[in-house]
Protein backbone atom coordinates (compact mmCIF):
# COMPACT_ATOMS: atom_id res chain seq x y z
CA MET A 1 -21.04 -13.35 -9.71
CA SER A 2 -17.17 -13.32 -10.73
CA LYS A 3 -14.64 -11.92 -8.63
CA LEU A 4 -14.27 -8.66 -9.95
CA ASP A 5 -18.08 -8.47 -9.87
CA ASN A 6 -17.73 -9.22 -6.12
CA PHE A 7 -14.69 -6.97 -5.73
CA PHE A 8 -16.81 -3.76 -7.25
CA TYR A 9 -20.07 -4.56 -5.57
CA SER A 10 -18.27 -5.33 -2.29
CA PHE A 11 -15.48 -2.53 -2.15
CA LEU A 12 -17.10 0.18 -4.32
CA GLY A 13 -20.46 -0.83 -3.39
CA ILE A 14 -22.02 -0.81 -7.14
CA GLU A 15 -22.49 -3.56 -9.79
CA SER A 16 -19.98 -3.64 -12.52
CA ASN A 17 -22.70 -2.54 -14.91
CA ASN A 18 -23.27 0.57 -13.35
CA LEU A 19 -19.96 2.25 -14.54
CA ALA A 20 -21.41 5.52 -13.56
CA GLY A 21 -20.84 4.89 -10.03
CA ILE A 22 -17.24 4.63 -10.57
CA THR A 23 -15.71 8.38 -9.45
CA LEU A 24 -12.70 9.80 -8.10
CA HIS A 25 -14.51 11.13 -5.47
CA HIS A 26 -16.04 7.51 -4.70
CA LEU A 27 -13.07 5.72 -5.08
CA GLU A 28 -11.26 8.43 -2.88
CA GLN A 29 -13.74 7.85 -0.07
CA LYS A 30 -13.86 4.04 -0.27
CA MET A 31 -9.64 4.11 0.17
CA LYS A 32 -10.02 6.72 3.17
CA ASP A 33 -12.81 3.97 4.57
CA GLU A 34 -10.09 1.60 4.17
CA LYS A 35 -7.37 3.59 6.13
CA PHE A 36 -5.24 3.77 2.81
CA PRO A 37 -2.25 5.72 3.45
CA GLU A 38 -3.12 9.60 2.40
CA LYS A 39 0.14 9.74 0.26
CA LEU A 40 -0.72 6.54 -1.64
CA ILE A 41 -4.33 7.73 -2.15
CA GLU A 42 -2.56 11.04 -3.71
CA GLU A 43 -0.78 8.98 -5.88
CA ILE A 44 -3.71 6.65 -7.05
CA LEU A 45 -5.79 9.93 -7.63
CA LEU A 46 -3.40 11.51 -9.41
CA GLU A 47 -2.71 8.50 -11.77
CA PHE A 48 -6.41 7.88 -12.33
CA ASP A 49 -7.06 11.65 -13.15
CA GLN A 50 -4.31 11.36 -15.87
CA ILE A 51 -6.13 8.36 -17.21
CA ILE A 52 -9.58 10.27 -17.40
CA ASN A 53 -7.90 13.41 -18.87
CA GLN A 54 -6.56 10.76 -21.77
CA GLN A 55 -9.78 8.41 -21.97
CA GLY A 56 -12.61 10.31 -20.65
CA GLU A 57 -14.63 9.26 -17.74
CA LYS A 58 -16.54 6.43 -19.50
CA GLY A 59 -13.03 5.20 -20.77
CA PHE A 60 -11.44 5.26 -17.42
CA GLN A 61 -14.56 3.44 -15.96
CA LYS A 62 -14.25 0.87 -18.45
CA TRP A 63 -10.54 0.44 -17.88
CA LEU A 64 -10.83 0.45 -14.21
CA THR A 65 -13.38 -2.63 -14.55
CA ASN A 66 -11.09 -4.76 -17.08
CA LEU A 67 -8.13 -4.73 -14.85
CA HIS A 68 -8.54 -8.21 -13.62
CA TYR A 69 -6.57 -7.68 -10.45
CA GLN A 70 -3.45 -6.49 -12.48
CA VAL A 71 -1.44 -3.72 -10.68
CA PRO A 72 -2.05 -0.46 -12.82
CA ASP A 73 0.86 0.16 -14.91
CA PRO A 74 1.75 3.47 -13.29
CA PHE A 75 2.44 1.48 -10.10
CA SER A 76 3.99 -1.69 -11.21
CA SER A 77 7.77 -0.11 -10.80
CA GLU A 78 9.01 -1.68 -7.45
CA LEU A 79 10.73 1.62 -7.04
CA LYS A 80 7.77 3.65 -7.16
CA ALA A 81 6.10 1.47 -4.55
CA ALA A 82 8.74 1.75 -2.29
CA TYR A 83 8.63 5.30 -2.13
CA LEU A 84 4.85 5.52 -1.61
């Protein structure tokens, strides 16, 4: 199992080939379970929602599984990260 597969299996509780399990609701619940700051959760979900609007849910799921541990573009700015 690759590191990415392991991440999705352990963090999201799904196997990477079951993309249907990757939903905003599921991601939000997992971030809350991991005690992410509420403001960070809101910002991440807002950006993810925009990606879903642009690429569709299936496109978003595929995009998320192909991140390869890179910081998503909307969060790559140090200034924005400091704000959160």
